[in-house]
mmCIF file of all heavy atoms, coordinates in Angstrom:
data_MODEL
# 
_entry.id   MODEL 
# 
loop_
_atom_site.group_PDB 
_atom_site.id 
_atom_site.type_symbol 
_atom_site.label_atom_id 
_atom_site.label_alt_id 
_atom_site.label_comp_id 
_atom_site.label_asym_id 
_atom_site.label_entity_id 
_atom_site.label_seq_id 
_atom_site.pdbx_PDB_ins_code 
_atom_site.Cartn_x 
_atom_site.Cartn_y 
_atom_site.Cartn_z 
_atom_site.occupancy 
_atom_site.B_iso_or_equiv 
_atom_site.pdbx_formal_charge 
_atom_site.auth_seq_id 
_atom_site.auth_comp_id 
_atom_site.auth_asym_id 
_atom_site.auth_atom_id 
_atom_site.pdbx_PDB_model_num 
ATOM 1   N N   . ARG A 1 1  ? 19.054 -43.253 -46.411 1.00 0.00 ? 1  ARG A N   1 
ATOM 2   C CA  . ARG A 1 1  ? 17.722 -43.531 -46.766 1.00 0.00 ? 1  ARG A CA  1 
ATOM 3   C C   . ARG A 1 1  ? 17.658 -45.024 -47.156 1.00 0.00 ? 1  ARG A C   1 
ATOM 4   O O   . ARG A 1 1  ? 18.230 -45.444 -48.116 1.00 0.00 ? 1  ARG A O   1 
ATOM 5   C CB  . ARG A 1 1  ? 17.204 -42.687 -47.852 1.00 0.00 ? 1  ARG A CB  1 
ATOM 6   C CG  . ARG A 1 1  ? 15.745 -42.893 -48.279 1.00 0.00 ? 1  ARG A CG  1 
ATOM 7   C CD  . ARG A 1 1  ? 15.325 -41.959 -49.390 1.00 0.00 ? 1  ARG A CD  1 
ATOM 8   N NE  . ARG A 1 1  ? 13.986 -42.165 -49.942 1.00 0.00 ? 1  ARG A NE  1 
ATOM 9   C CZ  . ARG A 1 1  ? 12.891 -41.704 -49.459 1.00 0.00 ? 1  ARG A CZ  1 
ATOM 10  N NH1 . ARG A 1 1  ? 12.923 -41.018 -48.315 1.00 0.00 ? 1  ARG A NH1 1 
ATOM 11  N NH2 . ARG A 1 1  ? 11.741 -41.942 -50.097 1.00 0.00 ? 1  ARG A NH2 1 
ATOM 12  N N   . LEU A 1 2  ? 16.963 -45.818 -46.357 1.00 0.00 ? 2  LEU A N   1 
ATOM 13  C CA  . LEU A 1 2  ? 16.789 -47.200 -46.534 1.00 0.00 ? 2  LEU A CA  1 
ATOM 14  C C   . LEU A 1 2  ? 15.538 -47.471 -47.373 1.00 0.00 ? 2  LEU A C   1 
ATOM 15  O O   . LEU A 1 2  ? 14.557 -46.787 -47.174 1.00 0.00 ? 2  LEU A O   1 
ATOM 16  C CB  . LEU A 1 2  ? 16.736 -47.982 -45.297 1.00 0.00 ? 2  LEU A CB  1 
ATOM 17  C CG  . LEU A 1 2  ? 17.861 -47.726 -44.214 1.00 0.00 ? 2  LEU A CG  1 
ATOM 18  C CD1 . LEU A 1 2  ? 17.683 -48.666 -43.063 1.00 0.00 ? 2  LEU A CD1 1 
ATOM 19  C CD2 . LEU A 1 2  ? 19.217 -47.947 -44.928 1.00 0.00 ? 2  LEU A CD2 1 
ATOM 20  N N   . SER A 1 3  ? 15.570 -48.469 -48.245 1.00 0.00 ? 3  SER A N   1 
ATOM 21  C CA  . SER A 1 3  ? 14.397 -48.931 -48.974 1.00 0.00 ? 3  SER A CA  1 
ATOM 22  C C   . SER A 1 3  ? 14.118 -50.414 -48.788 1.00 0.00 ? 3  SER A C   1 
ATOM 23  O O   . SER A 1 3  ? 15.076 -51.142 -48.502 1.00 0.00 ? 3  SER A O   1 
ATOM 24  C CB  . SER A 1 3  ? 14.665 -48.634 -50.445 1.00 0.00 ? 3  SER A CB  1 
ATOM 25  O OG  . SER A 1 3  ? 14.788 -47.286 -50.787 1.00 0.00 ? 3  SER A OG  1 
ATOM 26  N N   . CYS A 1 4  ? 12.902 -50.784 -48.872 1.00 0.00 ? 4  CYS A N   1 
ATOM 27  C CA  . CYS A 1 4  ? 12.508 -52.126 -48.790 1.00 0.00 ? 4  CYS A CA  1 
ATOM 28  C C   . CYS A 1 4  ? 11.505 -52.452 -49.889 1.00 0.00 ? 4  CYS A C   1 
ATOM 29  O O   . CYS A 1 4  ? 10.399 -51.862 -49.934 1.00 0.00 ? 4  CYS A O   1 
ATOM 30  C CB  . CYS A 1 4  ? 11.884 -52.370 -47.447 1.00 0.00 ? 4  CYS A CB  1 
ATOM 31  S SG  . CYS A 1 4  ? 11.068 -54.058 -47.285 1.00 0.00 ? 4  CYS A SG  1 
ATOM 32  N N   . ALA A 1 5  ? 11.861 -53.356 -50.778 1.00 0.00 ? 5  ALA A N   1 
ATOM 33  C CA  . ALA A 1 5  ? 11.032 -53.699 -51.885 1.00 0.00 ? 5  ALA A CA  1 
ATOM 34  C C   . ALA A 1 5  ? 10.240 -55.002 -51.451 1.00 0.00 ? 5  ALA A C   1 
ATOM 35  O O   . ALA A 1 5  ? 10.852 -56.036 -51.141 1.00 0.00 ? 5  ALA A O   1 
ATOM 36  C CB  . ALA A 1 5  ? 11.754 -54.033 -53.156 1.00 0.00 ? 5  ALA A CB  1 
ATOM 37  N N   . ALA A 1 6  ? 8.924  -54.920 -51.388 1.00 0.00 ? 6  ALA A N   1 
ATOM 38  C CA  . ALA A 1 6  ? 8.073  -56.019 -50.970 1.00 0.00 ? 6  ALA A CA  1 
ATOM 39  C C   . ALA A 1 6  ? 7.404  -56.681 -52.189 1.00 0.00 ? 6  ALA A C   1 
ATOM 40  O O   . ALA A 1 6  ? 7.014  -56.038 -53.128 1.00 0.00 ? 6  ALA A O   1 
ATOM 41  C CB  . ALA A 1 6  ? 7.051  -55.573 -50.027 1.00 0.00 ? 6  ALA A CB  1 
ATOM 42  N N   . SER A 1 7  ? 7.347  -58.018 -52.143 1.00 0.00 ? 7  SER A N   1 
ATOM 43  C CA  . SER A 1 7  ? 6.607  -58.770 -53.167 1.00 0.00 ? 7  SER A CA  1 
ATOM 44  C C   . SER A 1 7  ? 5.911  -59.917 -52.551 1.00 0.00 ? 7  SER A C   1 
ATOM 45  O O   . SER A 1 7  ? 6.262  -60.386 -51.398 1.00 0.00 ? 7  SER A O   1 
ATOM 46  C CB  . SER A 1 7  ? 7.558  -59.227 -54.293 1.00 0.00 ? 7  SER A CB  1 
ATOM 47  O OG  . SER A 1 7  ? 8.540  -60.040 -53.728 1.00 0.00 ? 7  SER A OG  1 
ATOM 48  N N   . GLY A 1 8  ? 4.929  -60.496 -53.231 1.00 0.00 ? 8  GLY A N   1 
ATOM 49  C CA  . GLY A 1 8  ? 4.203  -61.623 -52.769 1.00 0.00 ? 8  GLY A CA  1 
ATOM 50  C C   . GLY A 1 8  ? 3.084  -61.320 -51.731 1.00 0.00 ? 8  GLY A C   1 
ATOM 51  O O   . GLY A 1 8  ? 2.458  -62.234 -51.243 1.00 0.00 ? 8  GLY A O   1 
ATOM 52  N N   . ILE A 1 9  ? 2.837  -60.071 -51.571 1.00 0.00 ? 9  ILE A N   1 
ATOM 53  C CA  . ILE A 1 9  ? 1.712  -59.658 -50.755 1.00 0.00 ? 9  ILE A CA  1 
ATOM 54  C C   . ILE A 1 9  ? 1.028  -58.429 -51.433 1.00 0.00 ? 9  ILE A C   1 
ATOM 55  O O   . ILE A 1 9  ? 1.553  -57.756 -52.289 1.00 0.00 ? 9  ILE A O   1 
ATOM 56  C CB  . ILE A 1 9  ? 2.189  -59.186 -49.293 1.00 0.00 ? 9  ILE A CB  1 
ATOM 57  C CG1 . ILE A 1 9  ? 3.134  -58.036 -49.363 1.00 0.00 ? 9  ILE A CG1 1 
ATOM 58  C CG2 . ILE A 1 9  ? 2.768  -60.392 -48.581 1.00 0.00 ? 9  ILE A CG2 1 
ATOM 59  C CD1 . ILE A 1 9  ? 3.508  -57.426 -48.035 1.00 0.00 ? 9  ILE A CD1 1 
ATOM 60  N N   . ILE A 1 10 ? -0.213 -58.198 -50.879 1.00 0.00 ? 10 ILE A N   1 
ATOM 61  C CA  . ILE A 1 10 ? -0.908 -56.947 -51.301 1.00 0.00 ? 10 ILE A CA  1 
ATOM 62  C C   . ILE A 1 10 ? -0.371 -55.884 -50.382 1.00 0.00 ? 10 ILE A C   1 
ATOM 63  O O   . ILE A 1 10 ? -0.936 -55.645 -49.291 1.00 0.00 ? 10 ILE A O   1 
ATOM 64  C CB  . ILE A 1 10 ? -2.407 -57.103 -51.224 1.00 0.00 ? 10 ILE A CB  1 
ATOM 65  C CG1 . ILE A 1 10 ? -2.896 -58.282 -52.081 1.00 0.00 ? 10 ILE A CG1 1 
ATOM 66  C CG2 . ILE A 1 10 ? -3.123 -55.845 -51.712 1.00 0.00 ? 10 ILE A CG2 1 
ATOM 67  C CD1 . ILE A 1 10 ? -4.397 -58.624 -51.943 1.00 0.00 ? 10 ILE A CD1 1 
ATOM 68  N N   . PHE A 1 11 ? 0.611  -55.220 -50.773 1.00 0.00 ? 11 PHE A N   1 
ATOM 69  C CA  . PHE A 1 11 ? 1.450  -54.326 -49.909 1.00 0.00 ? 11 PHE A CA  1 
ATOM 70  C C   . PHE A 1 11 ? 0.581  -53.351 -49.234 1.00 0.00 ? 11 PHE A C   1 
ATOM 71  O O   . PHE A 1 11 ? 0.743  -52.972 -48.014 1.00 0.00 ? 11 PHE A O   1 
ATOM 72  C CB  . PHE A 1 11 ? 2.556  -53.762 -50.675 1.00 0.00 ? 11 PHE A CB  1 
ATOM 73  C CG  . PHE A 1 11 ? 3.470  -52.837 -49.940 1.00 0.00 ? 11 PHE A CG  1 
ATOM 74  C CD1 . PHE A 1 11 ? 4.362  -53.311 -49.061 1.00 0.00 ? 11 PHE A CD1 1 
ATOM 75  C CD2 . PHE A 1 11 ? 3.416  -51.412 -50.115 1.00 0.00 ? 11 PHE A CD2 1 
ATOM 76  C CE1 . PHE A 1 11 ? 5.162  -52.483 -48.287 1.00 0.00 ? 11 PHE A CE1 1 
ATOM 77  C CE2 . PHE A 1 11 ? 4.241  -50.564 -49.400 1.00 0.00 ? 11 PHE A CE2 1 
ATOM 78  C CZ  . PHE A 1 11 ? 5.118  -51.089 -48.524 1.00 0.00 ? 11 PHE A CZ  1 
ATOM 79  N N   . SER A 1 12 ? -0.268 -52.704 -49.975 1.00 0.00 ? 12 SER A N   1 
ATOM 80  C CA  . SER A 1 12 ? -1.125 -51.606 -49.486 1.00 0.00 ? 12 SER A CA  1 
ATOM 81  C C   . SER A 1 12 ? -2.028 -52.066 -48.315 1.00 0.00 ? 12 SER A C   1 
ATOM 82  O O   . SER A 1 12 ? -2.576 -51.224 -47.636 1.00 0.00 ? 12 SER A O   1 
ATOM 83  C CB  . SER A 1 12 ? -1.924 -51.010 -50.586 1.00 0.00 ? 12 SER A CB  1 
ATOM 84  O OG  . SER A 1 12 ? -2.838 -51.903 -51.175 1.00 0.00 ? 12 SER A OG  1 
ATOM 85  N N   . SER A 1 13 ? -2.191 -53.354 -48.161 1.00 0.00 ? 13 SER A N   1 
ATOM 86  C CA  . SER A 1 13 ? -3.179 -53.864 -47.133 1.00 0.00 ? 13 SER A CA  1 
ATOM 87  C C   . SER A 1 13 ? -2.379 -54.220 -45.819 1.00 0.00 ? 13 SER A C   1 
ATOM 88  O O   . SER A 1 13 ? -3.064 -54.649 -44.905 1.00 0.00 ? 13 SER A O   1 
ATOM 89  C CB  . SER A 1 13 ? -3.861 -55.116 -47.632 1.00 0.00 ? 13 SER A CB  1 
ATOM 90  O OG  . SER A 1 13 ? -4.672 -54.779 -48.744 1.00 0.00 ? 13 SER A OG  1 
ATOM 91  N N   . TYR A 1 14 ? -1.108 -54.026 -45.776 1.00 0.00 ? 14 TYR A N   1 
ATOM 92  C CA  . TYR A 1 14 ? -0.327 -54.430 -44.615 1.00 0.00 ? 14 TYR A CA  1 
ATOM 93  C C   . TYR A 1 14 ? 0.294  -53.239 -43.862 1.00 0.00 ? 14 TYR A C   1 
ATOM 94  O O   . TYR A 1 14 ? 0.859  -52.363 -44.485 1.00 0.00 ? 14 TYR A O   1 
ATOM 95  C CB  . TYR A 1 14 ? 0.838  -55.333 -45.061 1.00 0.00 ? 14 TYR A CB  1 
ATOM 96  C CG  . TYR A 1 14 ? 0.384  -56.717 -45.373 1.00 0.00 ? 14 TYR A CG  1 
ATOM 97  C CD1 . TYR A 1 14 ? -0.215 -57.026 -46.539 1.00 0.00 ? 14 TYR A CD1 1 
ATOM 98  C CD2 . TYR A 1 14 ? 0.637  -57.724 -44.492 1.00 0.00 ? 14 TYR A CD2 1 
ATOM 99  C CE1 . TYR A 1 14 ? -0.661 -58.306 -46.858 1.00 0.00 ? 14 TYR A CE1 1 
ATOM 100 C CE2 . TYR A 1 14 ? 0.320  -59.073 -44.816 1.00 0.00 ? 14 TYR A CE2 1 
ATOM 101 C CZ  . TYR A 1 14 ? -0.350 -59.301 -45.978 1.00 0.00 ? 14 TYR A CZ  1 
ATOM 102 O OH  . TYR A 1 14 ? -0.716 -60.617 -46.244 1.00 0.00 ? 14 TYR A OH  1 
ATOM 103 N N   . ASN A 1 15 ? 0.107  -53.147 -42.531 1.00 0.00 ? 15 ASN A N   1 
ATOM 104 C CA  . ASN A 1 15 ? 0.971  -52.360 -41.722 1.00 0.00 ? 15 ASN A CA  1 
ATOM 105 C C   . ASN A 1 15 ? 2.396  -52.834 -41.869 1.00 0.00 ? 15 ASN A C   1 
ATOM 106 O O   . ASN A 1 15 ? 2.716  -54.065 -42.009 1.00 0.00 ? 15 ASN A O   1 
ATOM 107 C CB  . ASN A 1 15 ? 0.541  -52.472 -40.251 1.00 0.00 ? 15 ASN A CB  1 
ATOM 108 C CG  . ASN A 1 15 ? -0.856 -51.909 -40.022 1.00 0.00 ? 15 ASN A CG  1 
ATOM 109 O OD1 . ASN A 1 15 ? -1.359 -51.183 -40.825 1.00 0.00 ? 15 ASN A OD1 1 
ATOM 110 N ND2 . ASN A 1 15 ? -1.432 -52.378 -38.945 1.00 0.00 ? 15 ASN A ND2 1 
ATOM 111 N N   . MET A 1 16 ? 3.354  -52.037 -41.800 1.00 0.00 ? 16 MET A N   1 
ATOM 112 C CA  . MET A 1 16 ? 4.745  -52.346 -42.037 1.00 0.00 ? 16 MET A CA  1 
ATOM 113 C C   . MET A 1 16 ? 5.634  -51.740 -40.936 1.00 0.00 ? 16 MET A C   1 
ATOM 114 O O   . MET A 1 16 ? 5.285  -50.676 -40.292 1.00 0.00 ? 16 MET A O   1 
ATOM 115 C CB  . MET A 1 16 ? 5.242  -51.918 -43.422 1.00 0.00 ? 16 MET A CB  1 
ATOM 116 C CG  . MET A 1 16 ? 4.582  -52.603 -44.577 1.00 0.00 ? 16 MET A CG  1 
ATOM 117 S SD  . MET A 1 16 ? 4.960  -54.417 -44.654 1.00 0.00 ? 16 MET A SD  1 
ATOM 118 C CE  . MET A 1 16 ? 6.743  -54.400 -44.761 1.00 0.00 ? 16 MET A CE  1 
ATOM 119 N N   . GLY A 1 17 ? 6.829  -52.294 -40.808 1.00 0.00 ? 17 GLY A N   1 
ATOM 120 C CA  . GLY A 1 17 ? 7.709  -51.802 -39.758 1.00 0.00 ? 17 GLY A CA  1 
ATOM 121 C C   . GLY A 1 17 ? 9.167  -52.014 -40.187 1.00 0.00 ? 17 GLY A C   1 
ATOM 122 O O   . GLY A 1 17 ? 9.516  -52.865 -40.986 1.00 0.00 ? 17 GLY A O   1 
ATOM 123 N N   . TRP A 1 18 ? 10.031 -51.150 -39.615 1.00 0.00 ? 18 TRP A N   1 
ATOM 124 C CA  . TRP A 1 18 ? 11.460 -51.278 -39.649 1.00 0.00 ? 18 TRP A CA  1 
ATOM 125 C C   . TRP A 1 18 ? 11.966 -51.813 -38.341 1.00 0.00 ? 18 TRP A C   1 
ATOM 126 O O   . TRP A 1 18 ? 11.563 -51.317 -37.350 1.00 0.00 ? 18 TRP A O   1 
ATOM 127 C CB  . TRP A 1 18 ? 12.139 -50.046 -40.071 1.00 0.00 ? 18 TRP A CB  1 
ATOM 128 C CG  . TRP A 1 18 ? 12.084 -49.621 -41.495 1.00 0.00 ? 18 TRP A CG  1 
ATOM 129 C CD1 . TRP A 1 18 ? 11.219 -48.730 -42.045 1.00 0.00 ? 18 TRP A CD1 1 
ATOM 130 C CD2 . TRP A 1 18 ? 12.881 -50.085 -42.555 1.00 0.00 ? 18 TRP A CD2 1 
ATOM 131 N NE1 . TRP A 1 18 ? 11.417 -48.709 -43.425 1.00 0.00 ? 18 TRP A NE1 1 
ATOM 132 C CE2 . TRP A 1 18 ? 12.485 -49.473 -43.736 1.00 0.00 ? 18 TRP A CE2 1 
ATOM 133 C CE3 . TRP A 1 18 ? 13.970 -51.034 -42.603 1.00 0.00 ? 18 TRP A CE3 1 
ATOM 134 C CZ2 . TRP A 1 18 ? 13.051 -49.740 -44.941 1.00 0.00 ? 18 TRP A CZ2 1 
ATOM 135 C CZ3 . TRP A 1 18 ? 14.543 -51.294 -43.798 1.00 0.00 ? 18 TRP A CZ3 1 
ATOM 136 C CH2 . TRP A 1 18 ? 14.102 -50.674 -45.000 1.00 0.00 ? 18 TRP A CH2 1 
ATOM 137 N N   . TYR A 1 19 ? 12.816 -52.824 -38.433 1.00 0.00 ? 19 TYR A N   1 
ATOM 138 C CA  . TYR A 1 19 ? 13.438 -53.400 -37.222 1.00 0.00 ? 19 TYR A CA  1 
ATOM 139 C C   . TYR A 1 19 ? 14.948 -53.382 -37.436 1.00 0.00 ? 19 TYR A C   1 
ATOM 140 O O   . TYR A 1 19 ? 15.431 -53.310 -38.520 1.00 0.00 ? 19 TYR A O   1 
ATOM 141 C CB  . TYR A 1 19 ? 12.997 -54.860 -37.087 1.00 0.00 ? 19 TYR A CB  1 
ATOM 142 C CG  . TYR A 1 19 ? 11.502 -55.034 -36.916 1.00 0.00 ? 19 TYR A CG  1 
ATOM 143 C CD1 . TYR A 1 19 ? 10.675 -54.908 -38.073 1.00 0.00 ? 19 TYR A CD1 1 
ATOM 144 C CD2 . TYR A 1 19 ? 10.899 -55.270 -35.750 1.00 0.00 ? 19 TYR A CD2 1 
ATOM 145 C CE1 . TYR A 1 19 ? 9.328  -55.051 -37.988 1.00 0.00 ? 19 TYR A CE1 1 
ATOM 146 C CE2 . TYR A 1 19 ? 9.505  -55.384 -35.610 1.00 0.00 ? 19 TYR A CE2 1 
ATOM 147 C CZ  . TYR A 1 19 ? 8.713  -55.314 -36.782 1.00 0.00 ? 19 TYR A CZ  1 
ATOM 148 O OH  . TYR A 1 19 ? 7.408  -55.454 -36.651 1.00 0.00 ? 19 TYR A OH  1 
ATOM 149 N N   . ARG A 1 20 ? 15.683 -53.471 -36.302 1.00 0.00 ? 20 ARG A N   1 
ATOM 150 C CA  . ARG A 1 20 ? 17.082 -53.532 -36.431 1.00 0.00 ? 20 ARG A CA  1 
ATOM 151 C C   . ARG A 1 20 ? 17.699 -54.453 -35.359 1.00 0.00 ? 20 ARG A C   1 
ATOM 152 O O   . ARG A 1 20 ? 17.154 -54.748 -34.338 1.00 0.00 ? 20 ARG A O   1 
ATOM 153 C CB  . ARG A 1 20 ? 17.780 -52.130 -36.251 1.00 0.00 ? 20 ARG A CB  1 
ATOM 154 C CG  . ARG A 1 20 ? 17.706 -51.517 -34.874 1.00 0.00 ? 20 ARG A CG  1 
ATOM 155 C CD  . ARG A 1 20 ? 18.152 -50.081 -34.909 1.00 0.00 ? 20 ARG A CD  1 
ATOM 156 N NE  . ARG A 1 20 ? 18.087 -49.425 -33.615 1.00 0.00 ? 20 ARG A NE  1 
ATOM 157 C CZ  . ARG A 1 20 ? 18.360 -48.175 -33.360 1.00 0.00 ? 20 ARG A CZ  1 
ATOM 158 N NH1 . ARG A 1 20 ? 18.656 -47.347 -34.420 1.00 0.00 ? 20 ARG A NH1 1 
ATOM 159 N NH2 . ARG A 1 20 ? 18.225 -47.670 -32.133 1.00 0.00 ? 20 ARG A NH2 1 
ATOM 160 N N   . GLN A 1 21 ? 18.854 -54.976 -35.663 1.00 0.00 ? 21 GLN A N   1 
ATOM 161 C CA  . GLN A 1 21 ? 19.552 -55.873 -34.802 1.00 0.00 ? 21 GLN A CA  1 
ATOM 162 C C   . GLN A 1 21 ? 21.059 -55.584 -34.805 1.00 0.00 ? 21 GLN A C   1 
ATOM 163 O O   . GLN A 1 21 ? 21.703 -55.669 -35.819 1.00 0.00 ? 21 GLN A O   1 
ATOM 164 C CB  . GLN A 1 21 ? 19.298 -57.390 -35.167 1.00 0.00 ? 21 GLN A CB  1 
ATOM 165 C CG  . GLN A 1 21 ? 19.839 -58.317 -34.165 1.00 0.00 ? 21 GLN A CG  1 
ATOM 166 C CD  . GLN A 1 21 ? 19.347 -59.779 -34.421 1.00 0.00 ? 21 GLN A CD  1 
ATOM 167 O OE1 . GLN A 1 21 ? 19.041 -60.136 -35.557 1.00 0.00 ? 21 GLN A OE1 1 
ATOM 168 N NE2 . GLN A 1 21 ? 19.306 -60.565 -33.326 1.00 0.00 ? 21 GLN A NE2 1 
ATOM 169 N N   . ALA A 1 22 ? 21.536 -55.285 -33.652 1.00 0.00 ? 22 ALA A N   1 
ATOM 170 C CA  . ALA A 1 22 ? 22.952 -54.990 -33.493 1.00 0.00 ? 22 ALA A CA  1 
ATOM 171 C C   . ALA A 1 22 ? 23.607 -56.309 -33.000 1.00 0.00 ? 22 ALA A C   1 
ATOM 172 O O   . ALA A 1 22 ? 22.932 -57.147 -32.438 1.00 0.00 ? 22 ALA A O   1 
ATOM 173 C CB  . ALA A 1 22 ? 23.219 -53.892 -32.433 1.00 0.00 ? 22 ALA A CB  1 
ATOM 174 N N   . PRO A 1 23 ? 24.914 -56.438 -33.223 1.00 0.00 ? 23 PRO A N   1 
ATOM 175 C CA  . PRO A 1 23 ? 25.576 -57.676 -32.845 1.00 0.00 ? 23 PRO A CA  1 
ATOM 176 C C   . PRO A 1 23 ? 25.403 -57.951 -31.336 1.00 0.00 ? 23 PRO A C   1 
ATOM 177 O O   . PRO A 1 23 ? 25.546 -57.080 -30.496 1.00 0.00 ? 23 PRO A O   1 
ATOM 178 C CB  . PRO A 1 23 ? 27.030 -57.408 -33.117 1.00 0.00 ? 23 PRO A CB  1 
ATOM 179 C CG  . PRO A 1 23 ? 26.977 -56.374 -34.249 1.00 0.00 ? 23 PRO A CG  1 
ATOM 180 C CD  . PRO A 1 23 ? 25.827 -55.505 -33.927 1.00 0.00 ? 23 PRO A CD  1 
ATOM 181 N N   . GLY A 1 24 ? 24.982 -59.196 -31.033 1.00 0.00 ? 24 GLY A N   1 
ATOM 182 C CA  . GLY A 1 24 ? 24.856 -59.638 -29.674 1.00 0.00 ? 24 GLY A CA  1 
ATOM 183 C C   . GLY A 1 24 ? 23.533 -59.143 -29.016 1.00 0.00 ? 24 GLY A C   1 
ATOM 184 O O   . GLY A 1 24 ? 23.391 -59.386 -27.795 1.00 0.00 ? 24 GLY A O   1 
ATOM 185 N N   . LYS A 1 25 ? 22.695 -58.483 -29.776 1.00 0.00 ? 25 LYS A N   1 
ATOM 186 C CA  . LYS A 1 25 ? 21.426 -57.947 -29.171 1.00 0.00 ? 25 LYS A CA  1 
ATOM 187 C C   . LYS A 1 25 ? 20.257 -58.582 -29.902 1.00 0.00 ? 25 LYS A C   1 
ATOM 188 O O   . LYS A 1 25 ? 20.331 -59.102 -30.993 1.00 0.00 ? 25 LYS A O   1 
ATOM 189 C CB  . LYS A 1 25 ? 21.433 -56.412 -29.327 1.00 0.00 ? 25 LYS A CB  1 
ATOM 190 C CG  . LYS A 1 25 ? 22.515 -55.720 -28.516 1.00 0.00 ? 25 LYS A CG  1 
ATOM 191 C CD  . LYS A 1 25 ? 22.320 -54.266 -28.588 1.00 0.00 ? 25 LYS A CD  1 
ATOM 192 C CE  . LYS A 1 25 ? 23.335 -53.470 -27.732 1.00 0.00 ? 25 LYS A CE  1 
ATOM 193 N NZ  . LYS A 1 25 ? 23.161 -52.007 -27.801 1.00 0.00 ? 25 LYS A NZ  1 
ATOM 194 N N   . GLN A 1 26 ? 19.075 -58.426 -29.252 1.00 0.00 ? 26 GLN A N   1 
ATOM 195 C CA  . GLN A 1 26 ? 17.886 -58.870 -29.831 1.00 0.00 ? 26 GLN A CA  1 
ATOM 196 C C   . GLN A 1 26 ? 17.358 -57.874 -30.911 1.00 0.00 ? 26 GLN A C   1 
ATOM 197 O O   . GLN A 1 26 ? 17.704 -56.690 -30.880 1.00 0.00 ? 26 GLN A O   1 
ATOM 198 C CB  . GLN A 1 26 ? 16.777 -58.967 -28.770 1.00 0.00 ? 26 GLN A CB  1 
ATOM 199 C CG  . GLN A 1 26 ? 16.994 -60.041 -27.698 1.00 0.00 ? 26 GLN A CG  1 
ATOM 200 C CD  . GLN A 1 26 ? 16.878 -61.450 -28.292 1.00 0.00 ? 26 GLN A CD  1 
ATOM 201 O OE1 . GLN A 1 26 ? 15.955 -61.719 -28.959 1.00 0.00 ? 26 GLN A OE1 1 
ATOM 202 N NE2 . GLN A 1 26 ? 17.875 -62.309 -27.998 1.00 0.00 ? 26 GLN A NE2 1 
# 
């Protein structure tokens, strides 16, 4: 279970996403 703590924005007003990057890949 991954978590992401956001600050500096009105979090509830933003669509959010999870991204990933493997070695050598975009």
